[in-house]
Amino acid sequence: MSASNNSNDFQKDKSILQLDFEFLLGELRQRVKELESSLKLMPRMDDGFLSKFLRTRNGDLDKALKSLENYYNSIWINMDFLSGVSTTELESTFNSNIICFLRHRSNGQRVCLSRSRLWKPTEHSFRQMHLVGLFQAEFVSEEPLTQENGISVIVDSSGVSFTHIRHLNLRELKRISNFLMNGMPLKIGEIHFVNNSRVIWPVFKFFLRLLKEKIRKRIKVHYSLEDLHNYIDPSILPKSLGGELEETEAFDEELVDTIVKQNVKYDDLWKSRTHS
C-alpha cells in the first residue's frame, strides 16, 4: 500500500473516531439531563465540560456519568471551602508558585509541582494555597491531551518546618484529598516525594491513609534527585530539582496568567451554562 493510501486511511480512522466521540458525547449529555433532578447543583452541558469526563474514563459512558455525579457531589460537600474567592484575589498566591505546573509534559502527562519551602503561612493561608492548586487542576482538566494522559505530581518537601506543620489543617487536607481523588475528573499518575525530612513523615503517613489503594501504589519516595530523574526527564525540570531549566523556563506562567486574568470564582467553573 502506498504512503498516500496509508495517509488516507489514517485520516479516515480519525474521522470515524471523531464521529464515535461526538455520538458518545451526545449520549452522555442525554444521561446527564436524566440525572439532573437527583443532583443538588445544575450541571454544565457544554461539550468542553462533558468531554473531560468522557475522555478521562476512556469513553465508558457509565463511568463518565458516575465521575460527573461524584464531581458535583464533591462540590456540594465542599461548597464552604471552594466558594466565594476569585482568582484575582488569589493572584499573590498564584505568583508564589507554591503549587504550579511545569511548562513541558512528561510522557504526555501534565506535571504538578508542590514546594513547601515557598509556603509562608503568614502570607498565604492553607485554604488559599490549595484553592490555587484546585483552580489550576480545573483548568488543565479542560485540555484534551491532559484528559487522555492525566497528571503526575512532584512534592518537594525541602524546607518543611514545624511552623508549616502547625499551620496545616488536617480536616481541610482530608477534604482536598477526597475531592482530588473522588471528584476531580483527572487521571492521577505517579506521585513523587523528594527532599524528604523527618518532620514531614507524620503528615505523610496521615496523607497515605486518605488515598485509595490504587493511588498509594503510584507513590514514589525518592532519596535522591537522580532517582527522580529515572521517572521524569531533567530536561523539563527546574535546576532546584536537578533539572536543566531556569524557573522562568520550567514553569507554565501562561497558565497562571490566563487563570488570574479571567477573574473567575470556583462557582463559575461548574455552574450550568447555555447548552452547546
C-alpha atoms as a PDB file:
ATOM      1  CA  MET A   1       0.000   0.000   0.000  1.00  0.00           C
ATOM      2  CA  SER A   2       1.361   3.448  -0.892  1.00  0.00           C
ATOM      3  CA  ALA A   3       2.167   6.144   1.646  1.00  0.00           C
ATOM      4  CA  SER A   4      -0.709   8.179   0.196  1.00  0.00           C
ATOM      5  CA  ASN A   5      -3.180   5.376   0.861  1.00  0.00           C
ATOM      6  CA  ASN A   6      -1.820   4.971   4.399  1.00  0.00           C
ATOM      7  CA  SER A   7      -2.367   8.676   4.997  1.00  0.00           C
ATOM      8  CA  ASN A   8      -5.924   8.493   3.641  1.00  0.00           C
ATOM      9  CA  ASP A   9      -6.694   5.502   5.867  1.00  0.00           C
ATOM     10  CA  PHE A  10      -5.321   7.349   8.884  1.00  0.00           C
ATOM     11  CA  GLN A  11      -7.488  10.400   8.175  1.00  0.00           C
ATOM     12  CA  LYS A  12     -10.495   8.125   7.706  1.00  0.00           C
ATOM     13  CA  ASP A  13      -9.788   6.428  11.055  1.00  0.00           C
ATOM     14  CA  LYS A  14      -9.530   9.832  12.736  1.00  0.00           C
ATOM     15  CA  SER A  15     -12.879  10.874  11.241  1.00  0.00           C
ATOM     16  CA  ILE A  16     -14.527   7.670  12.492  1.00  0.00           C
ATOM     17  CA  LEU A  17     -13.080   8.183  15.968  1.00  0.00           C
ATOM     18  CA  GLN A  18     -14.344  11.764  15.978  1.00  0.00           C
ATOM     19  CA  LEU A  19     -17.821  10.627  14.949  1.00  0.00           C
ATOM     20  CA  ASP A  20     -17.773   7.987  17.693  1.00  0.00           C
ATOM     21  CA  PHE A  21     -16.729  10.578  20.259  1.00  0.00           C
ATOM     22  CA  GLU A  22     -19.437  13.026  19.187  1.00  0.00           C
ATOM     23  CA  PHE A  23     -22.016  10.237  19.431  1.00  0.00           C
ATOM     24  CA  LEU A  24     -20.821   9.311  22.931  1.00  0.00           C
ATOM     25  CA  LEU A  25     -20.850  12.986  23.900  1.00  0.00           C
ATOM     26  CA  GLY A  26     -24.472  13.241  22.828  1.00  0.00           C
ATOM     27  CA  GLU A  27     -25.334  10.097  24.774  1.00  0.00           C
ATOM     28  CA  LEU A  28     -23.582  11.425  27.875  1.00  0.00           C
ATOM     29  CA  ARG A  29     -25.442  14.739  27.613  1.00  0.00           C
ATOM     30  CA  GLN A  30     -28.755  12.906  27.454  1.00  0.00           C
ATOM     31  CA  ARG A  31     -27.882  10.820  30.506  1.00  0.00           C
ATOM     32  CA  VAL A  32     -26.840  13.920  32.444  1.00  0.00           C
ATOM     33  CA  LYS A  33     -30.199  15.528  31.623  1.00  0.00           C
ATOM     34  CA  GLU A  34     -31.928  12.466  33.052  1.00  0.00           C
ATOM     35  CA  LEU A  35     -29.744  12.745  36.160  1.00  0.00           C
ATOM     36  CA  GLU A  36     -30.341  16.472  36.724  1.00  0.00           C
ATOM     37  CA  SER A  37     -33.238  16.071  39.144  1.00  0.00           C
ATOM     38  CA  SER A  38     -31.141  13.954  41.531  1.00  0.00           C
ATOM     39  CA  LEU A  39     -28.217  16.419  41.626  1.00  0.00           C
ATOM     40  CA  LYS A  40     -28.155  19.240  44.170  1.00  0.00           C
ATOM     41  CA  LEU A  41     -26.432  21.509  41.608  1.00  0.00           C
ATOM     42  CA  MET A  42     -27.361  22.232  37.993  1.00  0.00           C
ATOM     43  CA  PRO A  43     -24.615  20.680  35.819  1.00  0.00           C
ATOM     44  CA  ARG A  44     -22.906  22.201  32.820  1.00  0.00           C
ATOM     45  CA  MET A  45     -23.818  20.621  29.495  1.00  0.00           C
ATOM     46  CA  ASP A  46     -21.304  22.187  27.093  1.00  0.00           C
ATOM     47  CA  ASP A  47     -19.018  19.950  25.027  1.00  0.00           C
ATOM     48  CA  GLY A  48     -15.789  21.146  26.623  1.00  0.00           C
ATOM     49  CA  PHE A  49     -17.001  20.298  30.110  1.00  0.00           C
ATOM     50  CA  LEU A  50     -18.583  16.923  29.341  1.00  0.00           C
ATOM     51  CA  SER A  51     -15.604  15.860  27.217  1.00  0.00           C
ATOM     52  CA  LYS A  52     -13.281  15.696  30.188  1.00  0.00           C
ATOM     53  CA  PHE A  53     -15.464  13.161  31.976  1.00  0.00           C
ATOM     54  CA  LEU A  54     -15.743  11.075  28.818  1.00  0.00           C
ATOM     55  CA  ARG A  55     -12.033  11.127  27.930  1.00  0.00           C
ATOM     56  CA  THR A  56     -10.753  10.510  31.460  1.00  0.00           C
ATOM     57  CA  ARG A  57     -12.992   7.427  31.579  1.00  0.00           C
ATOM     58  CA  ASN A  58     -11.831   6.257  28.138  1.00  0.00           C
ATOM     59  CA  GLY A  59     -15.254   6.612  26.532  1.00  0.00           C
ATOM     60  CA  ASP A  60     -17.089   4.475  29.112  1.00  0.00           C
ATOM     61  CA  LEU A  61     -20.477   6.189  29.473  1.00  0.00           C
ATOM     62  CA  ASP A  62     -21.364   4.613  32.810  1.00  0.00           C
ATOM     63  CA  LYS A  63     -18.037   5.577  34.373  1.00  0.00           C
ATOM     64  CA  ALA A  64     -18.173   9.082  32.843  1.00  0.00           C
ATOM     65  CA  LEU A  65     -21.639   9.666  34.293  1.00  0.00           C
ATOM     66  CA  LYS A  66     -20.555   8.388  37.704  1.00  0.00           C
ATOM     67  CA  SER A  67     -17.487  10.630  37.574  1.00  0.00           C
ATOM     68  CA  LEU A  68     -19.652  13.676  36.839  1.00  0.00           C
ATOM     69  CA  GLU A  69     -22.021  12.742  39.657  1.00  0.00           C
ATOM     70  CA  ASN A  70     -19.070  12.395  42.061  1.00  0.00           C
ATOM     71  CA  TYR A  71     -17.729  15.759  40.921  1.00  0.00           C
ATOM     72  CA  TYR A  72     -20.951  17.607  41.709  1.00  0.00           C
ATOM     73  CA  ASN A  73     -21.438  15.768  44.979  1.00  0.00           C
ATOM     74  CA  SER A  74     -17.891  16.768  45.972  1.00  0.00           C
ATOM     75  CA  ILE A  75     -18.566  20.390  45.027  1.00  0.00           C
ATOM     76  CA  TRP A  76     -21.728  20.365  47.155  1.00  0.00           C
ATOM     77  CA  ILE A  77     -19.998  18.843  50.187  1.00  0.00           C
ATOM     78  CA  ASN A  78     -17.081  21.293  49.967  1.00  0.00           C
ATOM     79  CA  MET A  79     -19.030  24.404  48.982  1.00  0.00           C
ATOM     80  CA  ASP A  80     -17.883  26.386  52.036  1.00  0.00           C
ATOM     81  CA  PHE A  81     -14.230  25.709  51.174  1.00  0.00           C
ATOM     82  CA  LEU A  82     -14.500  26.354  47.423  1.00  0.00           C
ATOM     83  CA  SER A  83     -16.902  29.254  47.029  1.00  0.00           C
ATOM     84  CA  GLY A  84     -16.505  32.988  47.184  1.00  0.00           C
ATOM     85  CA  VAL A  85     -12.844  33.639  46.302  1.00  0.00           C
ATOM     86  CA  SER A  86     -11.885  34.894  42.837  1.00  0.00           C
ATOM     87  CA  THR A  87      -8.640  34.141  41.030  1.00  0.00           C
ATOM     88  CA  THR A  88      -7.754  37.863  41.093  1.00  0.00           C
ATOM     89  CA  GLU A  89      -7.961  37.835  44.888  1.00  0.00           C
ATOM     90  CA  LEU A  90      -5.562  34.871  44.876  1.00  0.00           C
ATOM     91  CA  GLU A  91      -3.062  36.481  42.499  1.00  0.00           C
ATOM     92  CA  SER A  92      -0.222  36.754  45.033  1.00  0.00           C
ATOM     93  CA  THR A  93      -0.660  33.093  45.995  1.00  0.00           C
ATOM     94  CA  PHE A  94      -0.658  32.083  42.327  1.00  0.00           C
ATOM     95  CA  ASN A  95       2.534  34.069  41.753  1.00  0.00           C
ATOM     96  CA  SER A  96       4.235  32.457  44.751  1.00  0.00           C
ATOM     97  CA  ASN A  97       4.494  29.193  42.729  1.00  0.00           C
ATOM     98  CA  ILE A  98       3.959  27.120  45.871  1.00  0.00           C
ATOM     99  CA  ILE A  99       1.780  24.872  43.711  1.00  0.00           C
ATOM    100  CA  CYS A 100       2.328  25.149  39.977  1.00  0.00           C
ATOM    101  CA  PHE A 101       2.504  23.181  36.739  1.00  0.00           C
ATOM    102  CA  LEU A 102       5.573  22.677  34.605  1.00  0.00           C
ATOM    103  CA  ARG A 103       5.602  24.089  31.100  1.00  0.00           C
ATOM    104  CA  HIS A 104       6.545  20.782  29.480  1.00  0.00           C
ATOM    105  CA  ARG A 105       4.866  17.387  29.720  1.00  0.00           C
ATOM    106  CA  SER A 106       6.323  14.083  30.839  1.00  0.00           C
ATOM    107  CA  ASN A 107       5.221  11.255  28.542  1.00  0.00           C
ATOM    108  CA  GLY A 108       2.117  13.231  27.663  1.00  0.00           C
ATOM    109  CA  GLN A 109       1.237  13.986  31.276  1.00  0.00           C
ATOM    110  CA  ARG A 110       0.995  17.399  32.883  1.00  0.00           C
ATOM    111  CA  VAL A 111       3.384  17.694  35.843  1.00  0.00           C
ATOM    112  CA  CYS A 112       2.259  19.463  39.018  1.00  0.00           C
ATOM    113  CA  LEU A 113       4.897  20.639  41.482  1.00  0.00           C
ATOM    114  CA  SER A 114       4.268  21.440  45.155  1.00  0.00           C
ATOM    115  CA  ARG A 115       7.064  23.200  47.075  1.00  0.00           C
ATOM    116  CA  SER A 116       6.557  23.565  50.804  1.00  0.00           C
ATOM    117  CA  ARG A 117       9.601  25.805  51.312  1.00  0.00           C
ATOM    118  CA  LEU A 118       7.844  28.605  49.416  1.00  0.00           C
ATOM    119  CA  TRP A 119       4.788  28.496  51.660  1.00  0.00           C
ATOM    120  CA  LYS A 120       4.741  31.361  54.156  1.00  0.00           C
ATOM    121  CA  PRO A 121       1.673  30.711  56.321  1.00  0.00           C
ATOM    122  CA  THR A 122       1.523  34.342  57.469  1.00  0.00           C
ATOM    123  CA  GLU A 123       1.125  35.442  53.826  1.00  0.00           C
ATOM    124  CA  HIS A 124      -0.837  32.577  52.253  1.00  0.00           C
ATOM    125  CA  SER A 125      -3.393  30.583  54.199  1.00  0.00           C
ATOM    126  CA  PHE A 126      -3.727  26.828  53.816  1.00  0.00           C
ATOM    127  CA  ARG A 127      -7.053  27.391  52.055  1.00  0.00           C
ATOM    128  CA  GLN A 128      -5.623  29.966  49.621  1.00  0.00           C
ATOM    129  CA  MET A 129      -2.688  27.715  48.755  1.00  0.00           C
ATOM    130  CA  HIS A 130      -4.870  24.736  47.927  1.00  0.00           C
ATOM    131  CA  LEU A 131      -7.517  26.761  46.112  1.00  0.00           C
ATOM    132  CA  VAL A 132      -4.725  27.849  43.764  1.00  0.00           C
ATOM    133  CA  GLY A 133      -3.872  24.191  43.186  1.00  0.00           C
ATOM    134  CA  LEU A 134      -7.511  23.263  42.569  1.00  0.00           C
ATOM    135  CA  PHE A 135      -8.039  26.152  40.140  1.00  0.00           C
ATOM    136  CA  GLN A 136      -5.029  25.012  38.114  1.00  0.00           C
ATOM    137  CA  ALA A 137      -6.231  21.399  38.181  1.00  0.00           C
ATOM    138  CA  GLU A 138      -9.630  22.524  36.875  1.00  0.00           C
ATOM    139  CA  PHE A 139      -8.071  24.477  34.014  1.00  0.00           C
ATOM    140  CA  VAL A 140      -5.671  21.732  32.892  1.00  0.00           C
ATOM    141  CA  SER A 141      -8.527  19.212  33.098  1.00  0.00           C
ATOM    142  CA  GLU A 142     -10.086  21.064  30.141  1.00  0.00           C
ATOM    143  CA  GLU A 143      -7.101  20.146  27.920  1.00  0.00           C
ATOM    144  CA  PRO A 144      -7.835  17.126  25.664  1.00  0.00           C
ATOM    145  CA  LEU A 145      -4.264  15.826  25.948  1.00  0.00           C
ATOM    146  CA  THR A 146      -4.426  16.033  29.743  1.00  0.00           C
ATOM    147  CA  GLN A 147      -7.816  14.313  29.735  1.00  0.00           C
ATOM    148  CA  GLU A 148      -6.253  11.412  27.863  1.00  0.00           C
ATOM    149  CA  ASN A 149      -2.911  11.184  29.701  1.00  0.00           C
ATOM    150  CA  GLY A 150      -3.572  12.689  33.129  1.00  0.00           C
ATOM    151  CA  ILE A 151      -1.110  14.338  35.509  1.00  0.00           C
ATOM    152  CA  SER A 152       1.829  13.320  37.656  1.00  0.00           C
ATOM    153  CA  VAL A 153       2.807  15.148  40.844  1.00  0.00           C
ATOM    154  CA  ILE A 154       6.104  16.098  42.473  1.00  0.00           C
ATOM    155  CA  VAL A 155       6.035  17.012  46.169  1.00  0.00           C
ATOM    156  CA  ASP A 156       9.252  18.799  47.130  1.00  0.00           C
ATOM    157  CA  SER A 157       9.412  18.716  50.934  1.00  0.00           C
ATOM    158  CA  SER A 158      12.642  20.675  51.333  1.00  0.00           C
ATOM    159  CA  GLY A 159      12.378  23.473  53.859  1.00  0.00           C
ATOM    160  CA  VAL A 160       9.427  21.993  55.741  1.00  0.00           C
ATOM    161  CA  SER A 161       9.448  23.210  59.342  1.00  0.00           C
ATOM    162  CA  PHE A 162       7.349  22.810  62.450  1.00  0.00           C
ATOM    163  CA  THR A 163       5.809  26.184  61.573  1.00  0.00           C
ATOM    164  CA  HIS A 164       4.381  24.613  58.423  1.00  0.00           C
ATOM    165  CA  ILE A 165       3.120  21.615  60.375  1.00  0.00           C
ATOM    166  CA  ARG A 166       1.385  23.866  62.923  1.00  0.00           C
ATOM    167  CA  HIS A 167      -0.464  25.663  60.144  1.00  0.00           C
ATOM    168  CA  LEU A 168      -1.650  22.501  58.428  1.00  0.00           C
ATOM    169  CA  ASN A 169      -5.386  21.969  58.633  1.00  0.00           C
ATOM    170  CA  LEU A 170      -5.768  18.194  58.607  1.00  0.00           C
ATOM    171  CA  ARG A 171      -9.538  18.397  58.177  1.00  0.00           C
ATOM    172  CA  GLU A 172      -9.144  20.526  55.067  1.00  0.00           C
ATOM    173  CA  LEU A 173      -6.293  18.326  53.821  1.00  0.00           C
ATOM    174  CA  LYS A 174      -8.646  15.367  54.061  1.00  0.00           C
ATOM    175  CA  ARG A 175     -11.377  17.222  52.160  1.00  0.00           C
ATOM    176  CA  ILE A 176      -8.993  18.327  49.413  1.00  0.00           C
ATOM    177  CA  SER A 177      -7.598  14.812  49.013  1.00  0.00           C
ATOM    178  CA  ASN A 178     -11.093  13.349  48.778  1.00  0.00           C
ATOM    179  CA  PHE A 179     -12.067  15.943  46.197  1.00  0.00           C
ATOM    180  CA  LEU A 180      -8.986  15.307  44.064  1.00  0.00           C
ATOM    181  CA  MET A 181      -9.260  11.523  44.254  1.00  0.00           C
ATOM    182  CA  ASN A 182     -13.041  11.137  44.041  1.00  0.00           C
ATOM    183  CA  GLY A 183     -14.359  14.299  42.438  1.00  0.00           C
ATOM    184  CA  MET A 184     -11.852  15.871  40.063  1.00  0.00           C
ATOM    185  CA  PRO A 185     -12.018  14.342  36.553  1.00  0.00           C
ATOM    186  CA  LEU A 186      -8.288  13.770  36.189  1.00  0.00           C
ATOM    187  CA  LYS A 187      -6.206  10.663  35.752  1.00  0.00           C
ATOM    188  CA  ILE A 188      -3.699  10.719  38.599  1.00  0.00           C
ATOM    189  CA  GLY A 189      -0.386   9.165  37.661  1.00  0.00           C
ATOM    190  CA  GLU A 190       2.680   8.782  39.870  1.00  0.00           C
ATOM    191  CA  ILE A 191       3.157  10.991  42.940  1.00  0.00           C
ATOM    192  CA  HIS A 192       6.837  11.666  43.632  1.00  0.00           C
ATOM    193  CA  PHE A 193       8.135  12.756  47.054  1.00  0.00           C
ATOM    194  CA  VAL A 194      11.601  14.318  47.069  1.00  0.00           C
ATOM    195  CA  ASN A 195      13.850  16.095  49.590  1.00  0.00           C
ATOM    196  CA  ASN A 196      12.008  14.432  52.451  1.00  0.00           C
ATOM    197  CA  SER A 197      12.726  15.196  56.090  1.00  0.00           C
ATOM    198  CA  ARG A 198      11.706  13.583  59.358  1.00  0.00           C
ATOM    199  CA  VAL A 199       9.367  16.497  60.049  1.00  0.00           C
ATOM    200  CA  ILE A 200       7.096  15.515  57.154  1.00  0.00           C
ATOM    201  CA  TRP A 201       6.680  11.808  57.980  1.00  0.00           C
ATOM    202  CA  PRO A 202       3.703  12.098  60.401  1.00  0.00           C
ATOM    203  CA  VAL A 203       1.818  14.156  57.795  1.00  0.00           C
ATOM    204  CA  PHE A 204       2.917  11.782  55.049  1.00  0.00           C
ATOM    205  CA  LYS A 205       1.520   8.803  56.963  1.00  0.00           C
ATOM    206  CA  PHE A 206      -1.760  10.650  57.527  1.00  0.00           C
ATOM    207  CA  PHE A 207      -1.895  11.561  53.832  1.00  0.00           C
ATOM    208  CA  LEU A 208      -1.363   7.920  52.827  1.00  0.00           C
ATOM    209  CA  ARG A 209      -4.421   6.860  54.806  1.00  0.00           C
ATOM    210  CA  LEU A 210      -6.564   9.269  52.781  1.00  0.00           C
ATOM    211  CA  LEU A 211      -5.670   7.689  49.454  1.00  0.00           C
ATOM    212  CA  LYS A 212      -7.210   4.798  47.602  1.00  0.00           C
ATOM    213  CA  GLU A 213      -5.060   1.687  47.383  1.00  0.00           C
ATOM    214  CA  LYS A 214      -4.521   2.122  43.625  1.00  0.00           C
ATOM    215  CA  ILE A 215      -3.196   5.665  44.218  1.00  0.00           C
ATOM    216  CA  ARG A 216      -0.941   4.562  47.106  1.00  0.00           C
ATOM    217  CA  LYS A 217       0.718   2.107  44.735  1.00  0.00           C
ATOM    218  CA  ARG A 218       1.713   5.024  42.479  1.00  0.00           C
ATOM    219  CA  ILE A 219       3.611   6.871  45.198  1.00  0.00           C
ATOM    220  CA  LYS A 220       7.375   7.019  44.766  1.00  0.00           C
ATOM    221  CA  VAL A 221       9.577   8.184  47.642  1.00  0.00           C
ATOM    222  CA  HIS A 222      12.947   9.271  46.291  1.00  0.00           C
ATOM    223  CA  TYR A 223      16.112   9.565  48.348  1.00  0.00           C
ATOM    224  CA  SER A 224      17.985  11.423  45.622  1.00  0.00           C
ATOM    225  CA  LEU A 225      17.128  13.708  42.730  1.00  0.00           C
ATOM    226  CA  GLU A 226      18.903  11.281  40.422  1.00  0.00           C
ATOM    227  CA  ASP A 227      16.267   8.710  41.339  1.00  0.00           C
ATOM    228  CA  LEU A 228      13.510  11.182  40.418  1.00  0.00           C
ATOM    229  CA  HIS A 229      15.208  11.646  37.034  1.00  0.00           C
ATOM    230  CA  ASN A 230      14.627   7.959  36.294  1.00  0.00           C
ATOM    231  CA  TYR A 231      10.941   8.858  36.062  1.00  0.00           C
ATOM    232  CA  ILE A 232      10.893  12.487  34.932  1.00  0.00           C
ATOM    233  CA  ASP A 233      13.453  13.770  32.463  1.00  0.00           C
ATOM    234  CA  PRO A 234      15.680  16.529  33.931  1.00  0.00           C
ATOM    235  CA  SER A 235      15.350  18.405  30.624  1.00  0.00           C
ATOM    236  CA  ILE A 236      11.878  19.598  31.744  1.00  0.00           C
ATOM    237  CA  LEU A 237      12.715  20.183  35.423  1.00  0.00           C
ATOM    238  CA  PRO A 238      13.959  23.356  37.157  1.00  0.00           C
ATOM    239  CA  LYS A 239      17.509  23.451  38.435  1.00  0.00           C
ATOM    240  CA  SER A 240      16.204  23.301  42.009  1.00  0.00           C
ATOM    241  CA  LEU A 241      15.227  19.684  41.229  1.00  0.00           C
ATOM    242  CA  GLY A 242      18.473  18.887  39.446  1.00  0.00           C
ATOM    243  CA  GLY A 243      16.973  19.829  36.093  1.00  0.00           C
ATOM    244  CA  GLU A 244      18.292  21.866  33.207  1.00  0.00           C
ATOM    245  CA  LEU A 245      15.864  24.809  33.209  1.00  0.00           C
ATOM    246  CA  GLU A 246      15.705  28.147  34.957  1.00  0.00           C
ATOM    247  CA  GLU A 247      12.485  28.625  36.902  1.00  0.00           C
ATOM    248  CA  THR A 248      11.043  31.026  34.342  1.00  0.00           C
ATOM    249  CA  GLU A 249      11.629  28.382  31.653  1.00  0.00           C
ATOM    250  CA  ALA A 250      10.355  25.455  33.698  1.00  0.00           C
ATOM    251  CA  PHE A 251       7.017  26.736  34.961  1.00  0.00           C
ATOM    252  CA  ASP A 252       3.851  27.343  32.976  1.00  0.00           C
ATOM    253  CA  GLU A 253       3.465  31.034  33.713  1.00  0.00           C
ATOM    254  CA  GLU A 254       0.992  31.409  30.845  1.00  0.00           C
ATOM    255  CA  LEU A 255      -1.406  29.061  32.637  1.00  0.00           C
ATOM    256  CA  VAL A 256      -1.284  31.228  35.761  1.00  0.00           C
ATOM    257  CA  ASP A 257      -1.686  34.449  33.761  1.00  0.00           C
ATOM    258  CA  THR A 258      -4.719  33.016  31.959  1.00  0.00           C
ATOM    259  CA  ILE A 259      -6.400  31.906  35.185  1.00  0.00           C
ATOM    260  CA  VAL A 260      -5.772  35.176  37.038  1.00  0.00           C
ATOM    261  CA  LYS A 261      -6.861  37.402  34.141  1.00  0.00           C
ATOM    262  CA  GLN A 262     -10.154  35.549  33.753  1.00  0.00           C
ATOM    263  CA  ASN A 263     -11.026  36.666  37.307  1.00  0.00           C
ATOM    264  CA  VAL A 264     -13.325  33.703  37.941  1.00  0.00           C
ATOM    265  CA  LYS A 265     -14.665  32.212  41.135  1.00  0.00           C
ATOM    266  CA  TYR A 266     -14.754  28.462  41.640  1.00  0.00           C
ATOM    267  CA  ASP A 267     -18.525  28.592  41.229  1.00  0.00           C
ATOM    268  CA  ASP A 268     -18.040  29.809  37.645  1.00  0.00           C
ATOM    269  CA  LEU A 269     -16.260  26.589  36.700  1.00  0.00           C
ATOM    270  CA  TRP A 270     -19.133  24.212  37.431  1.00  0.00           C
ATOM    271  CA  LYS A 271     -22.294  26.317  37.077  1.00  0.00           C
ATOM    272  CA  SER A 272     -24.695  25.470  34.289  1.00  0.00           C
ATOM    273  CA  ARG A 273     -24.169  27.303  31.011  1.00  0.00           C
ATOM    274  CA  THR A 274     -26.067  27.530  27.750  1.00  0.00           C
ATOM    275  CA  HIS A 275     -26.056  24.096  26.124  1.00  0.00           C
ATOM    276  CA  SER A 276     -23.722  23.857  23.136  1.00  0.00           C
END
